[in-house]
Amino acid sequence: MAIEGTLPVEETLQKIICKVTRNNNVVLNPAGTFKELGADSMDVVQIMVALEEALGIEIVDNELKSIPDMASFIEYLKGKVAERKRQSHAFYRSK
């Protein structure tokens, strides 16, 4: 179930990180990392899966390797959401 339409990407990300890490005091620092938010490698996998489901996107592991911080990750997510919307609109226009 995609919640992207009701929440901004940043808010969706923050809610998912809070849920996975069981820490309701998560503050997204643009220069920060998942590790700094208390997320271990298993948490990061759970966060990625939850984001894919919530935003209706596919997160590609190889693309993540070049993302240095939270600000870049949020831009990556926004790009994926925009790409999904473009593909969706193109699909419906072709019918």
Foldseek 3Di string as FASTA:
>chain_A
DAPCVPDPLVVQLLVLLCVLQVNNPDDFDFQADSVVSVADPVSVVSSQVSLCVHLVFHDDPVVVVPQRGDNSVSVVSVVRSVVVVVVVVVVVVVD
